[in-house]
Amino acid sequence: TARLVLHEGLVDTNTLGAYEALIDGAAKHLYILNDFPILATLRDALLRALARGVRVELLTGSGLARRGDGQMLPGPLPRELFEYMTKHRLEPLIHAGARAYEYTPPPLPGIVATGDVVRPYVHAKVMTADGQFASVGSANLDVTASYWEDEANIVIEDPPLVRTLEEKLDQL
């Protein structure tokens, strides 16, 4: 079973509502794969989930690609600032008990960077709840996706499929 959730910018907040419903309905765990600054309302929903004992795990990338040693590759200053803002928005969640990870692919010998690793920007938008529900689509967890842009997410209610997705996220 799946539902298409459409959000028409400046008209409704359907994808934001779907994210809030997943977070507020979670009883055991939430997995989130997103690389945008988390909107305050969603941060507050995640803090509520953590307060009631839900395990929250976040996987991000790097707003500006980094070498394996953490040094950012050359890029525009706005992308570097975006990276700092995104990570700063995770701090209250980490202090409340969330676990946050930055995606690092395995070393690739053809990559010309320290340690043959580049920590990339991650453009995925995935949230799972309790191995029962998943949202996959275009909506980030930020203010622009929540209020201004047109977005489309699929909310999936298929425990075997969601558990498979969570197993993949665990591997990452």
C-alpha atoms as a PDB file:
ATOM      1  CA  THR A   1       0.000   0.000   0.000  1.00  0.00           C
ATOM      2  CA  ALA A   2       1.300   3.427  -0.877  1.00  0.00           C
ATOM      3  CA  ARG A   3      -0.014   6.959  -0.960  1.00  0.00           C
ATOM      4  CA  LEU A   4       1.130   9.804  -3.159  1.00  0.00           C
ATOM      5  CA  VAL A   5       1.508  12.976  -1.102  1.00  0.00           C
ATOM      6  CA  LEU A   6       1.608  16.126  -3.209  1.00  0.00           C
ATOM      7  CA  HIS A   7       2.541  19.526  -1.880  1.00  0.00           C
ATOM      8  CA  GLU A   8       1.736  22.671  -3.820  1.00  0.00           C
ATOM      9  CA  GLY A   9       4.022  25.453  -2.653  1.00  0.00           C
ATOM     10  CA  LEU A  10       2.342  28.364  -0.831  1.00  0.00           C
ATOM     11  CA  VAL A  11      -1.003  26.530  -0.972  1.00  0.00           C
ATOM     12  CA  ASP A  12      -0.642  23.609   1.440  1.00  0.00           C
ATOM     13  CA  THR A  13       1.864  21.781   3.644  1.00  0.00           C
ATOM     14  CA  ASN A  14       1.001  18.189   2.805  1.00  0.00           C
ATOM     15  CA  THR A  15       4.524  16.769   2.797  1.00  0.00           C
ATOM     16  CA  LEU A  16       5.304  18.538   6.076  1.00  0.00           C
ATOM     17  CA  GLY A  17       2.135  17.021   7.543  1.00  0.00           C
ATOM     18  CA  ALA A  18       3.128  13.562   6.310  1.00  0.00           C
ATOM     19  CA  TYR A  19       6.571  13.886   7.898  1.00  0.00           C
ATOM     20  CA  GLU A  20       5.037  15.072  11.188  1.00  0.00           C
ATOM     21  CA  ALA A  21       2.604  12.134  11.140  1.00  0.00           C
ATOM     22  CA  LEU A  22       5.440   9.641  10.640  1.00  0.00           C
ATOM     23  CA  ILE A  23       7.493  11.199  13.433  1.00  0.00           C
ATOM     24  CA  ASP A  24       4.605  11.609  15.876  1.00  0.00           C
ATOM     25  CA  GLY A  25       3.372   8.069  15.164  1.00  0.00           C
ATOM     26  CA  ALA A  26       6.742   6.378  15.646  1.00  0.00           C
ATOM     27  CA  ALA A  27       7.018   4.161  18.705  1.00  0.00           C
ATOM     28  CA  LYS A  28      10.415   2.454  18.253  1.00  0.00           C
ATOM     29  CA  HIS A  29      12.702   4.084  15.700  1.00  0.00           C
ATOM     30  CA  LEU A  30      13.037   6.601  12.890  1.00  0.00           C
ATOM     31  CA  TYR A  31      15.640   6.537  10.127  1.00  0.00           C
ATOM     32  CA  ILE A  32      16.135   9.776   8.244  1.00  0.00           C
ATOM     33  CA  LEU A  33      18.279  10.297   5.169  1.00  0.00           C
ATOM     34  CA  ASN A  34      18.359  13.998   4.270  1.00  0.00           C
ATOM     35  CA  ASP A  35      21.001  16.655   3.760  1.00  0.00           C
ATOM     36  CA  PHE A  36      19.114  19.896   4.356  1.00  0.00           C
ATOM     37  CA  PRO A  37      18.709  22.089   7.459  1.00  0.00           C
ATOM     38  CA  ILE A  38      15.852  20.587   9.479  1.00  0.00           C
ATOM     39  CA  LEU A  39      12.837  22.869   9.869  1.00  0.00           C
ATOM     40  CA  ALA A  40      12.145  23.903  13.498  1.00  0.00           C
ATOM     41  CA  THR A  41       8.722  22.214  13.541  1.00  0.00           C
ATOM     42  CA  LEU A  42      10.235  18.911  12.432  1.00  0.00           C
ATOM     43  CA  ARG A  43      13.122  19.327  14.877  1.00  0.00           C
ATOM     44  CA  ASP A  44      10.539  19.781  17.651  1.00  0.00           C
ATOM     45  CA  ALA A  45       8.642  16.681  16.504  1.00  0.00           C
ATOM     46  CA  LEU A  46      11.917  14.718  16.554  1.00  0.00           C
ATOM     47  CA  LEU A  47      12.694  16.040  20.042  1.00  0.00           C
ATOM     48  CA  ARG A  48       9.247  14.838  21.174  1.00  0.00           C
ATOM     49  CA  ALA A  49       9.963  11.426  19.659  1.00  0.00           C
ATOM     50  CA  LEU A  50      13.315  11.230  21.443  1.00  0.00           C
ATOM     51  CA  ALA A  51      11.658  12.253  24.722  1.00  0.00           C
ATOM     52  CA  ARG A  52       9.237   9.331  24.456  1.00  0.00           C
ATOM     53  CA  GLY A  53      12.079   6.873  23.831  1.00  0.00           C
ATOM     54  CA  VAL A  54      12.089   6.622  20.026  1.00  0.00           C
ATOM     55  CA  ARG A  55      15.540   5.902  18.585  1.00  0.00           C
ATOM     56  CA  VAL A  56      16.338   8.510  15.925  1.00  0.00           C
ATOM     57  CA  GLU A  57      19.127   7.932  13.409  1.00  0.00           C
ATOM     58  CA  LEU A  58      20.021  10.570  10.826  1.00  0.00           C
ATOM     59  CA  LEU A  59      22.242  10.087   7.789  1.00  0.00           C
ATOM     60  CA  THR A  60      23.490  13.157   5.940  1.00  0.00           C
ATOM     61  CA  GLY A  61      26.129  13.951   3.411  1.00  0.00           C
ATOM     62  CA  SER A  62      28.386  16.936   3.136  1.00  0.00           C
ATOM     63  CA  GLY A  63      26.932  20.175   1.744  1.00  0.00           C
ATOM     64  CA  LEU A  64      30.300  20.750   0.125  1.00  0.00           C
ATOM     65  CA  ALA A  65      32.151  17.553  -0.720  1.00  0.00           C
ATOM     66  CA  ARG A  66      35.006  16.687   1.663  1.00  0.00           C
ATOM     67  CA  ARG A  67      38.120  14.578   1.439  1.00  0.00           C
ATOM     68  CA  GLY A  68      38.449  11.551   3.668  1.00  0.00           C
ATOM     69  CA  ASP A  69      40.365  13.640   6.231  1.00  0.00           C
ATOM     70  CA  GLY A  70      37.410  16.052   6.526  1.00  0.00           C
ATOM     71  CA  GLN A  71      38.875  18.939   4.540  1.00  0.00           C
ATOM     72  CA  MET A  72      36.312  20.487   2.188  1.00  0.00           C
ATOM     73  CA  LEU A  73      37.059  20.417  -1.509  1.00  0.00           C
ATOM     74  CA  PRO A  74      37.119  23.816  -3.241  1.00  0.00           C
ATOM     75  CA  GLY A  75      33.643  25.155  -3.793  1.00  0.00           C
ATOM     76  CA  PRO A  76      31.446  28.206  -3.444  1.00  0.00           C
ATOM     77  CA  LEU A  77      31.151  29.856  -0.029  1.00  0.00           C
ATOM     78  CA  PRO A  78      27.323  29.464   0.053  1.00  0.00           C
ATOM     79  CA  ARG A  79      27.713  25.655  -0.133  1.00  0.00           C
ATOM     80  CA  GLU A  80      30.215  25.746   2.728  1.00  0.00           C
ATOM     81  CA  LEU A  81      27.842  27.877   4.824  1.00  0.00           C
ATOM     82  CA  PHE A  82      24.989  25.518   3.908  1.00  0.00           C
ATOM     83  CA  GLU A  83      27.066  22.636   5.275  1.00  0.00           C
ATOM     84  CA  TYR A  84      27.641  24.398   8.589  1.00  0.00           C
ATOM     85  CA  MET A  85      23.973  25.383   8.912  1.00  0.00           C
ATOM     86  CA  THR A  86      22.789  21.852   8.160  1.00  0.00           C
ATOM     87  CA  LYS A  87      25.089  20.303  10.767  1.00  0.00           C
ATOM     88  CA  HIS A  88      24.283  23.045  13.316  1.00  0.00           C
ATOM     89  CA  ARG A  89      20.578  22.159  13.058  1.00  0.00           C
ATOM     90  CA  LEU A  90      21.444  18.584  14.082  1.00  0.00           C
ATOM     91  CA  GLU A  91      23.078  19.630  17.363  1.00  0.00           C
ATOM     92  CA  PRO A  92      19.908  19.854  19.524  1.00  0.00           C
ATOM     93  CA  LEU A  93      18.858  16.434  18.266  1.00  0.00           C
ATOM     94  CA  ILE A  94      22.255  14.914  19.020  1.00  0.00           C
ATOM     95  CA  HIS A  95      22.228  16.446  22.514  1.00  0.00           C
ATOM     96  CA  ALA A  96      18.773  14.880  23.033  1.00  0.00           C
ATOM     97  CA  GLY A  97      20.061  11.421  22.049  1.00  0.00           C
ATOM     98  CA  ALA A  98      19.723  11.182  18.264  1.00  0.00           C
ATOM     99  CA  ARG A  99      22.539   9.525  16.361  1.00  0.00           C
ATOM    100  CA  ALA A 100      23.808  11.391  13.311  1.00  0.00           C
ATOM    101  CA  TYR A 101      26.116   9.992  10.651  1.00  0.00           C
ATOM    102  CA  GLU A 102      27.730  11.463   7.567  1.00  0.00           C
ATOM    103  CA  TYR A 103      27.745   9.157   4.572  1.00  0.00           C
ATOM    104  CA  THR A 104      31.214   8.075   3.527  1.00  0.00           C
ATOM    105  CA  PRO A 105      31.507   5.693   0.600  1.00  0.00           C
ATOM    106  CA  PRO A 106      34.188   3.012   0.619  1.00  0.00           C
ATOM    107  CA  PRO A 107      37.636   4.049  -0.651  1.00  0.00           C
ATOM    108  CA  LEU A 108      37.864   4.175  -4.428  1.00  0.00           C
ATOM    109  CA  PRO A 109      41.368   3.867  -5.887  1.00  0.00           C
ATOM    110  CA  GLY A 110      40.522   6.170  -8.814  1.00  0.00           C
ATOM    111  CA  ILE A 111      39.591   9.081  -6.542  1.00  0.00           C
ATOM    112  CA  VAL A 112      42.376  11.637  -6.269  1.00  0.00           C
ATOM    113  CA  ALA A 113      41.881  12.697  -2.656  1.00  0.00           C
ATOM    114  CA  THR A 114      43.474  11.941   0.680  1.00  0.00           C
ATOM    115  CA  GLY A 115      42.689   8.351   1.560  1.00  0.00           C
ATOM    116  CA  ASP A 116      40.950   7.732  -1.785  1.00  0.00           C
ATOM    117  CA  VAL A 117      37.679   8.909  -0.195  1.00  0.00           C
ATOM    118  CA  VAL A 118      35.310  11.730  -1.039  1.00  0.00           C
ATOM    119  CA  ARG A 119      32.472  12.401   1.408  1.00  0.00           C
ATOM    120  CA  PRO A 120      29.727  13.512  -1.012  1.00  0.00           C
ATOM    121  CA  TYR A 121      26.610  15.616  -0.897  1.00  0.00           C
ATOM    122  CA  VAL A 122      23.575  13.336  -0.447  1.00  0.00           C
ATOM    123  CA  HIS A 123      20.412  14.421  -2.223  1.00  0.00           C
ATOM    124  CA  ALA A 124      18.131  11.594  -1.043  1.00  0.00           C
ATOM    125  CA  LYS A 125      14.975  12.257   0.973  1.00  0.00           C
ATOM    126  CA  VAL A 126      13.974   9.145   2.915  1.00  0.00           C
ATOM    127  CA  MET A 127      12.279   8.635   6.277  1.00  0.00           C
ATOM    128  CA  THR A 128      11.218   5.316   7.794  1.00  0.00           C
ATOM    129  CA  ALA A 129       9.280   4.619  10.969  1.00  0.00           C
ATOM    130  CA  ASP A 130       9.291   1.416  13.021  1.00  0.00           C
ATOM    131  CA  GLY A 131       9.969  -0.837  10.025  1.00  0.00           C
ATOM    132  CA  GLN A 132       6.357  -0.238   8.979  1.00  0.00           C
ATOM    133  CA  PHE A 133       6.249   3.014   7.011  1.00  0.00           C
ATOM    134  CA  ALA A 134       8.564   4.865   4.650  1.00  0.00           C
ATOM    135  CA  SER A 135       8.468   8.159   2.823  1.00  0.00           C
ATOM    136  CA  VAL A 136      10.542   8.589  -0.321  1.00  0.00           C
ATOM    137  CA  GLY A 137      10.332  11.571  -2.628  1.00  0.00           C
ATOM    138  CA  SER A 138      11.428  15.084  -3.422  1.00  0.00           C
ATOM    139  CA  ALA A 139      10.564  16.882  -0.158  1.00  0.00           C
ATOM    140  CA  ASN A 140      13.488  17.837   2.047  1.00  0.00           C
ATOM    141  CA  LEU A 141      13.026  18.520   5.763  1.00  0.00           C
ATOM    142  CA  ASP A 142      13.695  22.229   5.323  1.00  0.00           C
ATOM    143  CA  VAL A 143      11.574  25.370   5.163  1.00  0.00           C
ATOM    144  CA  THR A 144      11.572  25.719   1.374  1.00  0.00           C
ATOM    145  CA  ALA A 145      10.266  22.198   0.747  1.00  0.00           C
ATOM    146  CA  SER A 146       7.750  22.542   3.584  1.00  0.00           C
ATOM    147  CA  TYR A 147       6.179  25.808   2.495  1.00  0.00           C
ATOM    148  CA  TRP A 148       7.322  27.148  -0.883  1.00  0.00           C
ATOM    149  CA  GLU A 149       8.234  24.472  -3.413  1.00  0.00           C
ATOM    150  CA  ASP A 150       6.081  21.895  -5.163  1.00  0.00           C
ATOM    151  CA  GLU A 151       6.962  18.420  -3.861  1.00  0.00           C
ATOM    152  CA  ALA A 152       5.891  14.800  -4.251  1.00  0.00           C
ATOM    153  CA  ASN A 153       6.517  11.938  -1.824  1.00  0.00           C
ATOM    154  CA  ILE A 154       5.335   8.343  -1.768  1.00  0.00           C
ATOM    155  CA  VAL A 155       4.390   7.092   1.696  1.00  0.00           C
ATOM    156  CA  ILE A 156       4.723   3.316   1.720  1.00  0.00           C
ATOM    157  CA  GLU A 157       2.935   1.004   4.166  1.00  0.00           C
ATOM    158  CA  ASP A 158       4.615  -2.314   3.421  1.00  0.00           C
ATOM    159  CA  PRO A 159       6.590  -3.766   6.357  1.00  0.00           C
ATOM    160  CA  PRO A 160       8.735  -6.229   4.333  1.00  0.00           C
ATOM    161  CA  LEU A 161       9.713  -3.517   1.849  1.00  0.00           C
ATOM    162  CA  VAL A 162      10.347  -0.939   4.593  1.00  0.00           C
ATOM    163  CA  ARG A 163      12.479  -3.387   6.589  1.00  0.00           C
ATOM    164  CA  THR A 164      14.555  -4.061   3.446  1.00  0.00           C
ATOM    165  CA  LEU A 165      15.004  -0.314   3.006  1.00  0.00           C
ATOM    166  CA  GLU A 166      16.055   0.042   6.661  1.00  0.00           C
ATOM    167  CA  GLU A 167      18.592  -2.780   6.209  1.00  0.00           C
ATOM    168  CA  LYS A 168      20.102  -0.817   3.291  1.00  0.00           C
ATOM    169  CA  LEU A 169      20.202   2.352   5.407  1.00  0.00           C
ATOM    170  CA  ASP A 170      21.946   0.410   8.203  1.00  0.00           C
ATOM    171  CA  GLN A 171      24.625  -0.633   5.708  1.00  0.00           C
ATOM    172  CA  LEU A 172      25.198   2.987   4.698  1.00  0.00           C
END
